[in-house]
C-alpha atoms as a PDB file:
ATOM      1  CA  UNK A   1       0.000   0.000   0.000  1.00  0.00           C
ATOM      2  CA  UNK A   2       1.265   3.474  -0.807  1.00  0.00           C
ATOM      3  CA  UNK A   3       0.216   7.073  -0.635  1.00  0.00           C
ATOM      4  CA  UNK A   4      -2.252   7.962  -3.362  1.00  0.00           C
ATOM      5  CA  UNK A   5       0.189  10.102  -5.316  1.00  0.00           C
ATOM      6  CA  UNK A   6       2.396   7.041  -5.855  1.00  0.00           C
ATOM      7  CA  UNK A   7       0.730   5.244  -8.730  1.00  0.00           C
ATOM      8  CA  UNK A   8       3.615   3.110  -9.992  1.00  0.00           C
ATOM      9  CA  UNK A   9       6.285   1.119  -8.191  1.00  0.00           C
ATOM     10  CA  UNK A  10       9.053   3.053  -9.942  1.00  0.00           C
ATOM     11  CA  UNK A  11       7.917   6.146  -8.011  1.00  0.00           C
ATOM     12  CA  UNK A  12       9.116   4.515  -4.791  1.00  0.00           C
ATOM     13  CA  UNK A  13      12.708   5.329  -5.722  1.00  0.00           C
ATOM     14  CA  UNK A  14      14.251   7.254  -2.842  1.00  0.00           C
ATOM     15  CA  UNK A  15      11.142   6.715  -0.687  1.00  0.00           C
ATOM     16  CA  UNK A  16      10.653   4.869   2.618  1.00  0.00           C
ATOM     17  CA  UNK A  17       8.891   1.506   2.450  1.00  0.00           C
ATOM     18  CA  UNK A  18       7.983  -0.315   5.660  1.00  0.00           C
ATOM     19  CA  UNK A  19       8.448  -4.074   5.961  1.00  0.00           C
ATOM     20  CA  UNK A  20       8.158  -6.506   8.866  1.00  0.00           C
ATOM     21  CA  UNK A  21      11.843  -7.407   9.016  1.00  0.00           C
ATOM     22  CA  UNK A  22      14.798  -6.928   6.735  1.00  0.00           C
ATOM     23  CA  UNK A  23      15.007 -10.595   5.739  1.00  0.00           C
ATOM     24  CA  UNK A  24      11.488 -12.069   5.927  1.00  0.00           C
ATOM     25  CA  UNK A  25       9.514 -13.416   2.971  1.00  0.00           C
ATOM     26  CA  UNK A  26       7.276 -10.362   2.706  1.00  0.00           C
ATOM     27  CA  UNK A  27      10.292  -8.054   2.845  1.00  0.00           C
ATOM     28  CA  UNK A  28      12.257  -9.960   0.224  1.00  0.00           C
ATOM     29  CA  UNK A  29       9.231 -10.090  -2.079  1.00  0.00           C
ATOM     30  CA  UNK A  30       8.563  -6.361  -1.666  1.00  0.00           C
ATOM     31  CA  UNK A  31      12.220  -5.499  -2.250  1.00  0.00           C
ATOM     32  CA  UNK A  32      12.479  -7.646  -5.400  1.00  0.00           C
ATOM     33  CA  UNK A  33       9.205  -6.322  -6.785  1.00  0.00           C
ATOM     34  CA  UNK A  34      10.256  -2.706  -6.254  1.00  0.00           C
ATOM     35  CA  UNK A  35      13.753  -3.294  -7.627  1.00  0.00           C
ATOM     36  CA  UNK A  36      12.330  -5.040 -10.704  1.00  0.00           C
ATOM     37  CA  UNK A  37      10.326  -1.858 -11.328  1.00  0.00           C
ATOM     38  CA  UNK A  38      13.616   0.060 -11.419  1.00  0.00           C
ATOM     39  CA  UNK A  39      13.304   1.739  -8.014  1.00  0.00           C
ATOM     40  CA  UNK A  40      15.671   1.820  -5.063  1.00  0.00           C
ATOM     41  CA  UNK A  41      13.806   2.453  -1.819  1.00  0.00           C
ATOM     42  CA  UNK A  42      14.835   2.620   1.819  1.00  0.00           C
ATOM     43  CA  UNK A  43      13.316  -0.263   3.800  1.00  0.00           C
ATOM     44  CA  UNK A  44      12.178   0.351   7.360  1.00  0.00           C
ATOM     45  CA  UNK A  45      11.550  -2.745   9.544  1.00  0.00           C
ATOM     46  CA  UNK A  46       8.511  -2.125  11.761  1.00  0.00           C
ATOM     47  CA  UNK A  47       7.914  -5.739  12.985  1.00  0.00           C
ATOM     48  CA  UNK A  48       4.068  -5.681  12.908  1.00  0.00           C
ATOM     49  CA  UNK A  49       1.507  -4.985  10.197  1.00  0.00           C
ATOM     50  CA  UNK A  50      -0.384  -2.645  12.544  1.00  0.00           C
ATOM     51  CA  UNK A  51       2.742  -0.505  12.894  1.00  0.00           C
ATOM     52  CA  UNK A  52       3.208  -0.394   9.137  1.00  0.00           C
ATOM     53  CA  UNK A  53      -0.374   0.749   8.639  1.00  0.00           C
ATOM     54  CA  UNK A  54      -0.107   3.339  11.432  1.00  0.00           C
ATOM     55  CA  UNK A  55       3.134   4.739   9.966  1.00  0.00           C
ATOM     56  CA  UNK A  56       1.487   5.041   6.569  1.00  0.00           C
ATOM     57  CA  UNK A  57      -1.496   6.882   8.049  1.00  0.00           C
ATOM     58  CA  UNK A  58       0.889   9.186   9.956  1.00  0.00           C
ATOM     59  CA  UNK A  59       2.772   9.793   6.678  1.00  0.00           C
ATOM     60  CA  UNK A  60       6.035   8.619   8.274  1.00  0.00           C
ATOM     61  CA  UNK A  61       6.574   6.246   5.347  1.00  0.00           C
ATOM     62  CA  UNK A  62       5.630   6.337   1.671  1.00  0.00           C
ATOM     63  CA  UNK A  63       4.642   2.700   1.289  1.00  0.00           C
ATOM     64  CA  UNK A  64       4.321  -0.513   3.203  1.00  0.00           C
ATOM     65  CA  UNK A  65       4.248  -4.215   2.471  1.00  0.00           C
ATOM     66  CA  UNK A  66       0.896  -5.489   3.761  1.00  0.00           C
ATOM     67  CA  UNK A  67      -0.722  -8.830   2.946  1.00  0.00           C
ATOM     68  CA  UNK A  68      -4.021  -9.000   1.061  1.00  0.00           C
ATOM     69  CA  UNK A  69      -5.656 -10.428   4.174  1.00  0.00           C
ATOM     70  CA  UNK A  70      -4.622  -7.533   6.449  1.00  0.00           C
ATOM     71  CA  UNK A  71      -7.579  -6.087   8.350  1.00  0.00           C
ATOM     72  CA  UNK A  72      -7.162  -3.001  10.492  1.00  0.00           C
ATOM     73  CA  UNK A  73      -9.961  -0.909  12.016  1.00  0.00           C
ATOM     74  CA  UNK A  74      -8.667   2.179  10.200  1.00  0.00           C
ATOM     75  CA  UNK A  75      -8.833   0.295   6.910  1.00  0.00           C
ATOM     76  CA  UNK A  76     -12.609   0.324   7.279  1.00  0.00           C
ATOM     77  CA  UNK A  77     -12.823   4.098   6.909  1.00  0.00           C
ATOM     78  CA  UNK A  78     -14.507   5.306   3.702  1.00  0.00           C
ATOM     79  CA  UNK A  79     -12.188   5.277   0.764  1.00  0.00           C
ATOM     80  CA  UNK A  80     -10.717   8.702   0.347  1.00  0.00           C
ATOM     81  CA  UNK A  81      -7.981  10.321  -1.665  1.00  0.00           C
ATOM     82  CA  UNK A  82      -5.053   9.493   0.619  1.00  0.00           C
ATOM     83  CA  UNK A  83      -3.871   5.968  -0.220  1.00  0.00           C
ATOM     84  CA  UNK A  84      -3.718   3.740  -3.247  1.00  0.00           C
ATOM     85  CA  UNK A  85      -2.142   0.402  -4.056  1.00  0.00           C
ATOM     86  CA  UNK A  86       0.519   0.757  -6.756  1.00  0.00           C
ATOM     87  CA  UNK A  87      -0.180  -0.855 -10.089  1.00  0.00           C
ATOM     88  CA  UNK A  88       1.968  -2.550 -12.639  1.00  0.00           C
ATOM     89  CA  UNK A  89       2.080  -1.460 -16.264  1.00  0.00           C
ATOM     90  CA  UNK A  90      -1.167  -3.287 -17.034  1.00  0.00           C
ATOM     91  CA  UNK A  91      -3.012  -1.218 -14.450  1.00  0.00           C
ATOM     92  CA  UNK A  92      -3.775  -4.185 -12.210  1.00  0.00           C
ATOM     93  CA  UNK A  93      -3.531  -3.793  -8.459  1.00  0.00           C
ATOM     94  CA  UNK A  94      -0.515  -5.892  -7.497  1.00  0.00           C
ATOM     95  CA  UNK A  95      -0.243  -5.360  -3.744  1.00  0.00           C
ATOM     96  CA  UNK A  96      -3.637  -5.395  -2.185  1.00  0.00           C
ATOM     97  CA  UNK A  97      -7.230  -4.377  -2.262  1.00  0.00           C
ATOM     98  CA  UNK A  98      -7.128  -1.058  -0.416  1.00  0.00           C
ATOM     99  CA  UNK A  99      -7.274   1.537  -3.157  1.00  0.00           C
ATOM    100  CA  UNK A 100      -8.640   5.033  -2.998  1.00  0.00           C
END
């Protein structure tokens, strides 16, 4: 999940992306996906999905690796213009279902 203004993974270059740990499966997948899009991001380990979501809401990070199944009370707020899942070149949502 990313901020709304980030519409493509390549835009994460130079941005902060939160992950659970530096070496976990989710982190490695996020890193490879972003690197394959031609971006070099800074990865911030936050240990829990709730912390990743909270940091995104607080605008402390630009993106975060969250699973499709992640459910957080704040995720139930009406869809607004703040956050959007990045898309690949085909326009398909590749990270999750929370799009603005």
